[in-house]
Amino acid sequence: MQKPIKKASSSRKREDGRRQLLIYLSPELIMSLKRAALEREQPAYELAEEAIKEWLSREKRKR
């Protein structure tokens, strides 16, 4: 008898609705981001999210 095939687990649900995104960054950029996050006592994802939002806003104004 075959074992039932398990479905791949769906990403964990966050209360804030955020979803996971995998990106590749240079080791130097990762270390700089982590240092900045520690200095500001904020999670690195918040700093990255803020930077991305600002960049997207600037790009939108260019159009």
N, C-alpha and C. Protein backbone atom coordinates (compact mmCIF):
# COMPACT_ATOMS: atom_id res chain seq x y z
N MET A 1 0.84 -1.18 0.00
CA MET A 1 0.00 0.00 0.00
C MET A 1 0.88 1.24 0.00
N GLN A 2 0.56 2.19 -0.87
CA GLN A 2 1.34 3.41 -0.98
C GLN A 2 0.95 4.41 0.10
N LYS A 3 1.96 5.17 0.54
CA LYS A 3 1.69 6.24 1.49
C LYS A 3 1.04 7.40 0.75
N PRO A 4 0.12 8.10 1.38
CA PRO A 4 -0.49 9.26 0.71
C PRO A 4 0.58 10.34 0.45
N ILE A 5 0.46 10.99 -0.68
CA ILE A 5 1.39 12.05 -1.03
C ILE A 5 0.99 13.31 -0.28
N LYS A 6 1.99 13.88 0.40
CA LYS A 6 1.72 15.11 1.13
C LYS A 6 1.78 16.28 0.17
N LYS A 7 0.86 17.20 0.34
CA LYS A 7 0.89 18.43 -0.44
C LYS A 7 2.00 19.31 0.08
N ALA A 8 2.57 20.09 -0.81
CA ALA A 8 3.57 21.07 -0.37
C ALA A 8 2.87 22.06 0.54
N SER A 9 3.49 22.37 1.65
CA SER A 9 2.85 23.28 2.58
C SER A 9 2.76 24.67 1.97
N SER A 10 1.61 25.28 2.16
CA SER A 10 1.46 26.65 1.68
C SER A 10 2.25 27.57 2.59
N SER A 11 2.60 28.73 2.09
CA SER A 11 3.39 29.64 2.91
C SER A 11 2.62 29.98 4.17
N ARG A 12 3.37 30.25 5.21
CA ARG A 12 2.73 30.58 6.48
C ARG A 12 1.94 31.85 6.33
N LYS A 13 0.79 31.87 6.92
CA LYS A 13 -0.07 33.05 6.88
C LYS A 13 0.38 34.01 7.96
N ARG A 14 0.55 35.25 7.57
CA ARG A 14 0.91 36.30 8.52
C ARG A 14 -0.31 37.16 8.76
N GLU A 15 -0.44 37.63 9.97
CA GLU A 15 -1.58 38.48 10.31
C GLU A 15 -1.56 39.78 9.52
N ASP A 16 -0.36 40.26 9.16
CA ASP A 16 -0.28 41.54 8.45
C ASP A 16 -0.43 41.38 6.94
N GLY A 17 -0.62 40.16 6.45
CA GLY A 17 -0.87 39.92 5.04
C GLY A 17 0.38 39.86 4.17
N ARG A 18 1.55 40.05 4.75
CA ARG A 18 2.79 40.00 3.97
C ARG A 18 3.02 38.58 3.45
N ARG A 19 3.67 38.52 2.29
CA ARG A 19 4.02 37.23 1.70
C ARG A 19 5.52 37.20 1.46
N GLN A 20 6.04 36.01 1.36
CA GLN A 20 7.47 35.81 1.20
C GLN A 20 7.89 36.02 -0.25
N LEU A 21 9.09 36.61 -0.43
CA LEU A 21 9.70 36.79 -1.75
C LEU A 21 11.18 36.52 -1.60
N LEU A 22 11.69 35.65 -2.42
CA LEU A 22 13.11 35.32 -2.37
C LEU A 22 13.84 36.18 -3.39
N ILE A 23 14.86 36.92 -2.92
CA ILE A 23 15.70 37.70 -3.81
C ILE A 23 17.16 37.41 -3.46
N TYR A 24 18.03 37.58 -4.42
CA TYR A 24 19.45 37.38 -4.20
C TYR A 24 20.14 38.74 -4.14
N LEU A 25 20.92 38.95 -3.10
CA LEU A 25 21.65 40.19 -2.91
C LEU A 25 23.12 39.86 -2.67
N SER A 26 23.98 40.83 -2.94
CA SER A 26 25.40 40.61 -2.70
C SER A 26 25.63 40.49 -1.19
N PRO A 27 26.64 39.74 -0.79
CA PRO A 27 26.93 39.60 0.64
C PRO A 27 27.17 40.95 1.32
N GLU A 28 27.82 41.88 0.61
CA GLU A 28 28.08 43.20 1.19
C GLU A 28 26.78 43.95 1.47
N LEU A 29 25.84 43.88 0.53
CA LEU A 29 24.56 44.55 0.72
C LEU A 29 23.78 43.93 1.86
N ILE A 30 23.82 42.62 1.97
CA ILE A 30 23.12 41.94 3.06
C ILE A 30 23.69 42.37 4.41
N MET A 31 25.00 42.41 4.52
CA MET A 31 25.62 42.82 5.79
C MET A 31 25.29 44.27 6.12
N SER A 32 25.30 45.14 5.12
CA SER A 32 24.95 46.55 5.35
C SER A 32 23.51 46.68 5.81
N LEU A 33 22.62 45.94 5.21
CA LEU A 33 21.21 45.98 5.60
C LEU A 33 21.03 45.48 7.03
N LYS A 34 21.69 44.39 7.37
CA LYS A 34 21.59 43.84 8.72
C LYS A 34 22.14 44.82 9.76
N ARG A 35 23.28 45.46 9.44
CA ARG A 35 23.85 46.45 10.37
C ARG A 35 22.89 47.62 10.58
N ALA A 36 22.34 48.12 9.48
CA ALA A 36 21.40 49.24 9.57
C ALA A 36 20.18 48.85 10.40
N ALA A 37 19.70 47.64 10.21
CA ALA A 37 18.54 47.18 10.97
C ALA A 37 18.86 47.10 12.46
N LEU A 38 20.03 46.61 12.79
CA LEU A 38 20.43 46.54 14.20
C LEU A 38 20.55 47.93 14.81
N GLU A 39 21.17 48.86 14.06
CA GLU A 39 21.33 50.22 14.56
C GLU A 39 19.99 50.90 14.81
N ARG A 40 19.02 50.60 13.98
CA ARG A 40 17.69 51.22 14.10
C ARG A 40 16.73 50.39 14.94
N GLU A 41 17.19 49.23 15.38
CA GLU A 41 16.35 48.30 16.14
C GLU A 41 15.05 48.01 15.40
N GLN A 42 15.19 47.70 14.12
CA GLN A 42 14.06 47.36 13.25
C GLN A 42 14.41 46.08 12.51
N PRO A 43 13.40 45.32 12.12
CA PRO A 43 13.69 44.15 11.29
C PRO A 43 14.21 44.60 9.92
N ALA A 44 15.10 43.83 9.35
CA ALA A 44 15.67 44.16 8.05
C ALA A 44 14.59 44.25 6.98
N TYR A 45 13.56 43.42 7.06
CA TYR A 45 12.52 43.45 6.03
C TYR A 45 11.80 44.79 6.02
N GLU A 46 11.68 45.45 7.18
CA GLU A 46 11.02 46.75 7.21
C GLU A 46 11.85 47.80 6.48
N LEU A 47 13.17 47.75 6.67
CA LEU A 47 14.04 48.69 5.97
C LEU A 47 14.00 48.44 4.47
N ALA A 48 14.05 47.17 4.08
CA ALA A 48 14.01 46.82 2.66
C ALA A 48 12.66 47.24 2.05
N GLU A 49 11.59 46.99 2.76
CA GLU A 49 10.26 47.35 2.26
C GLU A 49 10.14 48.87 2.07
N GLU A 50 10.66 49.62 3.03
CA GLU A 50 10.63 51.08 2.93
C GLU A 50 11.44 51.55 1.72
N ALA A 51 12.63 51.00 1.52
CA ALA A 51 13.47 51.39 0.39
C ALA A 51 12.80 51.05 -0.94
N ILE A 52 12.18 49.90 -1.02
CA ILE A 52 11.51 49.49 -2.25
C ILE A 52 10.33 50.42 -2.54
N LYS A 53 9.54 50.74 -1.51
CA LYS A 53 8.40 51.65 -1.70
C LYS A 53 8.86 53.01 -2.19
N GLU A 54 9.94 53.53 -1.61
CA GLU A 54 10.47 54.83 -2.04
C GLU A 54 10.94 54.77 -3.49
N TRP A 55 11.64 53.71 -3.85
CA TRP A 55 12.12 53.56 -5.22
C TRP A 55 10.96 53.50 -6.20
N LEU A 56 9.94 52.69 -5.87
CA LEU A 56 8.77 52.58 -6.75
C LEU A 56 8.06 53.92 -6.89
N SER A 57 7.98 54.66 -5.82
CA SER A 57 7.35 55.98 -5.86
C SER A 57 8.11 56.92 -6.79
N ARG A 58 9.45 56.93 -6.69
CA ARG A 58 10.27 57.77 -7.58
C ARG A 58 10.10 57.35 -9.04
N GLU A 59 10.08 56.06 -9.28
CA GLU A 59 9.93 55.56 -10.65
C GLU A 59 8.58 55.95 -11.22
N LYS A 60 7.55 55.90 -10.39
CA LYS A 60 6.21 56.25 -10.85
C LYS A 60 6.14 57.73 -11.24
N ARG A 61 6.84 58.59 -10.49
CA ARG A 61 6.84 60.02 -10.79
C ARG A 61 7.57 60.33 -12.08
N LYS A 62 8.51 59.48 -12.46
CA LYS A 62 9.26 59.70 -13.71
C LYS A 62 8.39 59.52 -14.94
N ARG A 63 7.35 58.77 -14.80
CA ARG A 63 6.52 58.43 -15.98
C ARG A 63 5.50 59.46 -16.28
